Amino acid sequence: MRIVMRRIILVEVFKRIVNDLLKYREYILYATKSELKIQLSSTFLGYLWWILDPLLYMLIYMLLVMLIFKRGEENFPIFIFCALIPWKWTVSSIVDSTSSIKSKVGVLEQVYIPKPVLPLIRVLVNTVKYFFGIVILLILIAAFKIPFSLHNIEFIVVFIIHFLFIFGLSLILSHVGIFFKDIRNILIFTVRLWFYLSPGLYSLERIPQKFQFLWWMNPMTTFFLSYRNIFLYDTFPLYKQLLPWALFSIILIFIGLKYLYKFDKQYMKVI
């Protein structure tokens, strides 16, 4: 009986979000464009900054790893860029989502907006920036004379699963951000540790075999290695590892949606 009830709840939650996305699709598109324009107007370089930002990150880490520590993998700029771009997308999305509801209190006082829509907009804004980074990555791949292959098309699969993971985390953190005021500051600190415990600056093979299972518990390991496989190593992404993370992401989305809909009417009282 409990299993049947859970399935009914699961279906109802996802049915509701589909209806909300269809009903508010024009607002989602408008709000995403507006947010991008606001961010562009606040910088002198505009779109150029979205290109320079990931490149500067790459140069900093190249200086740190190659010149100071005298380490680095083959085609290290591509190696590290395949991690930095998805990493920045992940972190920017989840950190921005913590204030996605709270920052719209003025709008919410005037009109009803389904709360899952707000973190989704933050994720979409950062996804646009992410694609700018992917364009730069493709240019670097051509510059380093790394041949393009059919495996590059499999980027779509990795992207979709990664997007679901980010969206799931963003939904949950947008809820937590209402009740836990310091969550953004805590995240900014903890994501630094998360990055260094991910194979972004180094190869997984550098980790002793007996400890590698700990790295595989980190979803970014699967994403980083999958991006490198399709862009750098001309092989398949890690489908075997991606499938569990896809299922996990769906669970995260369900949990996030459940809480956002459950507390929908209470958020304004707390804010």
Protein backbone atom coordinates (compact mmCIF):
# COMPACT_ATOMS: atom_id res chain seq x y z
CA MET A 1 0.00 0.00 0.00
CA ARG A 2 2.83 2.39 0.90
CA ILE A 3 4.59 1.67 -2.38
CA VAL A 4 1.40 2.46 -4.31
CA MET A 5 0.96 5.74 -2.39
CA ARG A 6 4.57 6.75 -3.05
CA ARG A 7 4.13 6.08 -6.77
CA ILE A 8 0.97 8.19 -6.79
CA ILE A 9 2.81 11.04 -5.03
CA LEU A 10 5.73 10.72 -7.44
CA VAL A 11 3.43 10.90 -10.46
CA GLU A 12 1.49 13.86 -9.03
CA VAL A 13 4.65 15.83 -8.24
CA PHE A 14 6.14 15.38 -11.70
CA LYS A 15 2.77 16.00 -13.36
CA ARG A 16 2.50 19.29 -11.47
CA ILE A 17 5.98 20.50 -12.44
CA VAL A 18 5.32 19.66 -16.10
CA ASN A 19 2.10 21.68 -16.00
CA ASP A 20 3.86 24.59 -14.27
CA LEU A 21 6.70 24.58 -16.79
CA LEU A 22 4.25 24.67 -19.67
CA LYS A 23 2.07 27.35 -18.07
CA TYR A 24 4.99 29.61 -17.07
CA ARG A 25 7.30 28.89 -20.01
CA GLU A 26 7.06 32.48 -21.29
CA TYR A 27 7.93 33.87 -17.87
CA ILE A 28 10.87 31.46 -17.56
CA LEU A 29 12.21 32.59 -20.93
CA TYR A 30 11.64 36.27 -20.15
CA ALA A 31 13.20 36.07 -16.67
CA THR A 32 16.22 34.16 -17.98
CA LYS A 33 16.84 36.76 -20.70
CA SER A 34 16.36 39.60 -18.22
CA GLU A 35 18.81 38.11 -15.75
CA LEU A 36 21.41 37.68 -18.49
CA LYS A 37 20.93 41.29 -19.62
CA ILE A 38 21.31 42.55 -16.05
CA GLN A 39 24.54 40.62 -15.62
CA LEU A 40 25.83 41.90 -18.95
CA SER A 41 25.02 45.51 -18.10
CA SER A 42 26.90 45.22 -14.80
CA THR A 43 30.22 44.40 -16.53
CA PHE A 44 32.25 46.57 -18.91
CA LEU A 45 33.32 43.65 -21.12
CA GLY A 46 29.83 42.15 -21.48
CA TYR A 47 29.76 38.90 -23.44
CA LEU A 48 33.55 38.98 -23.69
CA TRP A 49 33.78 38.43 -19.95
CA TRP A 50 31.95 35.11 -20.28
CA ILE A 51 34.76 34.02 -22.58
CA LEU A 52 37.61 35.47 -20.55
CA ASP A 53 36.35 34.16 -17.22
CA PRO A 54 36.90 30.41 -17.88
CA LEU A 55 40.15 31.14 -19.73
CA LEU A 56 41.54 33.06 -16.77
CA TYR A 57 40.55 30.23 -14.44
CA MET A 58 42.39 27.80 -16.70
CA LEU A 59 45.53 29.96 -16.81
CA ILE A 60 45.60 30.29 -13.02
CA TYR A 61 45.43 26.54 -12.48
CA MET A 62 47.93 25.90 -15.26
CA LEU A 63 50.35 28.26 -13.53
CA LEU A 64 49.76 26.51 -10.22
CA VAL A 65 50.08 22.94 -11.46
CA MET A 66 52.53 23.13 -14.36
CA LEU A 67 54.93 25.88 -13.30
CA ILE A 68 54.85 25.73 -9.52
CA PHE A 69 54.23 22.04 -8.82
CA LYS A 70 55.84 20.84 -12.07
CA ARG A 71 52.93 18.48 -12.72
CA GLY A 72 50.34 18.14 -15.42
CA GLU A 73 48.79 15.66 -17.83
CA GLU A 74 49.21 15.49 -21.59
CA ASN A 75 47.29 18.29 -23.33
CA PHE A 76 46.85 19.77 -19.87
CA PRO A 77 44.94 22.92 -20.96
CA ILE A 78 42.22 20.74 -22.51
CA PHE A 79 42.45 18.26 -19.63
CA ILE A 80 41.77 20.96 -17.04
CA PHE A 81 39.25 22.90 -19.15
CA CYS A 82 37.06 19.78 -19.44
CA ALA A 83 36.72 19.97 -15.66
CA LEU A 84 36.69 23.72 -15.00
CA ILE A 85 33.81 24.50 -17.34
CA PRO A 86 31.34 21.93 -15.91
CA TRP A 87 32.59 22.70 -12.40
CA LYS A 88 31.91 26.41 -12.69
CA TRP A 89 28.48 25.63 -14.15
CA THR A 90 27.69 23.36 -11.21
CA VAL A 91 28.90 25.68 -8.46
CA SER A 92 27.44 28.88 -9.91
CA SER A 93 24.04 27.24 -10.35
CA ILE A 94 23.71 25.72 -6.89
CA VAL A 95 25.12 28.76 -5.06
CA ASP A 96 22.85 31.15 -6.98
CA SER A 97 19.86 28.93 -6.28
CA THR A 98 20.17 29.37 -2.50
CA SER A 99 18.79 32.91 -2.87
CA SER A 100 16.54 32.29 -5.89
CA ILE A 101 13.29 32.48 -3.89
CA LYS A 102 14.35 35.00 -1.28
CA SER A 103 15.62 37.48 -3.87
CA LYS A 104 12.23 37.53 -5.62
CA VAL A 105 10.17 38.46 -2.58
CA GLY A 106 9.02 41.70 -4.23
CA VAL A 107 7.63 39.87 -7.24
CA LEU A 108 6.12 37.08 -5.14
CA GLU A 109 4.17 39.62 -3.09
CA GLN A 110 2.40 40.75 -6.25
CA VAL A 111 1.95 37.58 -8.28
CA TYR A 112 2.06 33.84 -7.70
CA ILE A 113 4.99 31.98 -9.25
CA PRO A 114 5.57 28.24 -8.69
CA LYS A 115 8.68 28.10 -6.53
CA PRO A 116 10.54 25.44 -8.60
CA VAL A 117 10.54 27.89 -11.50
CA LEU A 118 12.87 30.30 -9.63
CA PRO A 119 15.87 27.98 -9.12
CA LEU A 120 15.32 26.68 -12.65
CA ILE A 121 15.85 30.20 -13.98
CA ARG A 122 19.16 30.46 -12.10
CA VAL A 123 20.26 27.15 -13.57
CA LEU A 124 19.28 28.24 -17.09
CA VAL A 125 21.20 31.51 -16.75
CA ASN A 126 24.35 29.63 -15.79
CA THR A 127 23.71 27.07 -18.53
CA VAL A 128 23.91 29.83 -21.14
CA LYS A 129 27.29 30.83 -19.72
CA TYR A 130 28.31 27.18 -19.70
CA PHE A 131 27.70 26.90 -23.43
CA PHE A 132 29.98 29.88 -23.98
CA GLY A 133 32.65 27.88 -22.17
CA ILE A 134 31.98 24.83 -24.35
CA VAL A 135 32.51 26.97 -27.46
CA ILE A 136 35.90 28.04 -26.07
CA LEU A 137 36.69 24.40 -25.31
CA LEU A 138 35.97 23.41 -28.91
CA ILE A 139 38.21 26.22 -30.15
CA LEU A 140 41.02 25.02 -27.87
CA ILE A 141 40.55 21.46 -29.09
CA ALA A 142 40.97 22.66 -32.67
CA ALA A 143 44.00 24.78 -31.69
CA PHE A 144 45.69 21.76 -30.07
CA LYS A 145 44.90 19.73 -33.20
CA ILE A 146 42.87 17.15 -31.30
CA PRO A 147 40.64 15.51 -33.92
CA PHE A 148 36.89 15.80 -33.57
CA SER A 149 34.98 12.53 -33.54
CA LEU A 150 31.48 11.10 -33.33
CA HIS A 151 31.99 10.71 -29.59
CA ASN A 152 31.66 14.49 -29.30
CA ILE A 153 27.95 14.06 -30.02
CA GLU A 154 27.62 12.05 -26.81
CA PHE A 155 28.16 15.32 -24.98
CA ILE A 156 24.36 15.64 -25.16
CA VAL A 157 23.88 12.59 -22.93
CA VAL A 158 26.40 13.76 -20.33
CA PHE A 159 24.97 17.27 -20.44
CA ILE A 160 21.39 16.11 -19.79
CA ILE A 161 22.36 13.95 -16.81
CA HIS A 162 24.59 16.69 -15.43
CA PHE A 163 21.79 19.23 -15.87
CA LEU A 164 19.37 16.99 -13.96
CA PHE A 165 21.89 16.64 -11.14
CA ILE A 166 22.41 20.40 -10.90
CA PHE A 167 18.67 21.08 -11.08
CA GLY A 168 17.97 18.57 -8.31
CA LEU A 169 20.57 20.12 -6.01
CA SER A 170 19.34 23.62 -6.86
CA LEU A 171 15.76 22.77 -5.94
CA ILE A 172 16.77 21.44 -2.53
CA LEU A 173 19.15 24.32 -1.80
CA SER A 174 16.56 26.92 -2.81
CA HIS A 175 14.33 25.48 -0.08
CA VAL A 176 17.15 25.28 2.48
CA GLY A 177 18.18 28.85 1.63
CA ILE A 178 14.88 30.18 3.00
CA PHE A 179 15.28 28.67 6.47
CA PHE A 180 19.08 28.58 6.79
CA LYS A 181 20.46 32.04 6.17
CA ASP A 182 24.15 31.08 6.14
CA ILE A 183 23.86 28.28 3.58
CA ARG A 184 25.38 30.40 0.79
CA ASN A 185 28.49 31.23 2.82
CA ILE A 186 28.89 27.61 3.89
CA LEU A 187 28.54 26.45 0.29
CA ILE A 188 31.22 28.85 -0.96
CA PHE A 189 33.65 27.25 1.49
CA THR A 190 32.63 23.61 1.07
CA VAL A 191 32.65 23.64 -2.74
CA ARG A 192 36.37 24.46 -2.65
CA LEU A 193 37.00 21.25 -0.74
CA TRP A 194 34.63 19.42 -3.11
CA PHE A 195 36.69 20.56 -6.11
CA TYR A 196 40.01 19.39 -4.66
CA LEU A 197 38.42 16.04 -3.88
CA SER A 198 37.38 15.79 -7.53
CA PRO A 199 39.82 14.81 -10.32
CA GLY A 200 39.81 18.26 -11.88
CA LEU A 201 43.48 19.24 -11.59
CA TYR A 202 44.80 15.69 -11.59
CA SER A 203 44.11 12.30 -13.07
CA LEU A 204 42.20 9.72 -11.04
CA GLU A 205 45.11 7.34 -11.60
CA ARG A 206 47.18 9.47 -9.22
CA ILE A 207 44.92 8.36 -6.36
CA PRO A 208 45.97 5.05 -4.73
CA GLN A 209 43.79 2.20 -5.96
CA LYS A 210 42.48 1.35 -2.50
CA PHE A 211 41.10 4.89 -2.08
CA GLN A 212 39.63 5.41 -5.53
CA PHE A 213 36.23 4.12 -4.47
CA LEU A 214 35.88 7.29 -2.37
CA TRP A 215 36.35 9.42 -5.48
CA TRP A 216 33.73 7.39 -7.34
CA MET A 217 31.23 8.38 -4.64
CA ASN A 218 31.68 11.93 -5.93
CA PRO A 219 29.43 12.62 -8.97
CA MET A 220 31.92 15.13 -10.37
CA THR A 221 34.39 12.28 -10.92
CA THR A 222 31.99 10.66 -13.37
CA PHE A 223 31.16 13.95 -15.08
CA PHE A 224 34.78 15.13 -15.38
CA LEU A 225 35.99 11.82 -16.77
CA SER A 226 33.05 11.56 -19.16
CA TYR A 227 33.69 15.03 -20.59
CA ARG A 228 37.37 14.18 -21.02
CA ASN A 229 36.55 10.91 -22.72
CA ILE A 230 34.35 12.50 -25.38
CA PHE A 231 36.43 15.64 -25.99
CA LEU A 232 39.99 14.55 -25.29
CA TYR A 233 40.34 10.78 -25.47
CA ASP A 234 37.96 9.95 -28.35
CA THR A 235 36.02 7.31 -26.45
CA PHE A 236 32.66 6.72 -24.77
CA PRO A 237 31.52 8.58 -21.67
CA LEU A 238 31.18 6.50 -18.52
CA TYR A 239 27.68 5.20 -19.16
CA LYS A 240 27.91 2.57 -16.43
CA GLN A 241 28.60 5.26 -13.84
CA LEU A 242 26.30 7.88 -15.39
CA LEU A 243 23.17 5.74 -15.06
CA PRO A 244 23.18 5.61 -11.23
CA TRP A 245 23.79 9.36 -11.08
CA ALA A 246 20.90 9.92 -13.48
CA LEU A 247 18.60 7.96 -11.15
CA PHE A 248 20.03 9.79 -8.14
CA SER A 249 19.38 13.13 -9.86
CA ILE A 250 15.74 12.22 -10.46
CA ILE A 251 15.42 11.39 -6.76
CA LEU A 252 16.95 14.76 -5.87
CA ILE A 253 14.50 16.51 -8.21
CA PHE A 254 11.57 14.67 -6.63
CA ILE A 255 12.68 15.57 -3.10
CA GLY A 256 13.26 19.19 -4.06
CA LEU A 257 9.90 19.51 -5.82
CA LYS A 258 8.09 17.82 -2.94
CA TYR A 259 9.44 20.30 -0.39
CA LEU A 260 8.99 23.36 -2.60
CA TYR A 261 5.36 22.51 -3.25
CA LYS A 262 4.73 21.51 0.36
CA PHE A 263 6.04 24.80 1.79
CA ASP A 264 4.89 26.95 -1.14
CA LYS A 265 2.46 29.01 0.94
CA GLN A 266 4.77 29.32 3.97
CA TYR A 267 7.81 30.87 2.32
CA MET A 268 6.47 34.42 2.34
CA LYS A 269 5.86 34.20 6.08
CA VAL A 270 9.45 33.13 6.72
CA ILE A 271 11.04 35.64 4.34
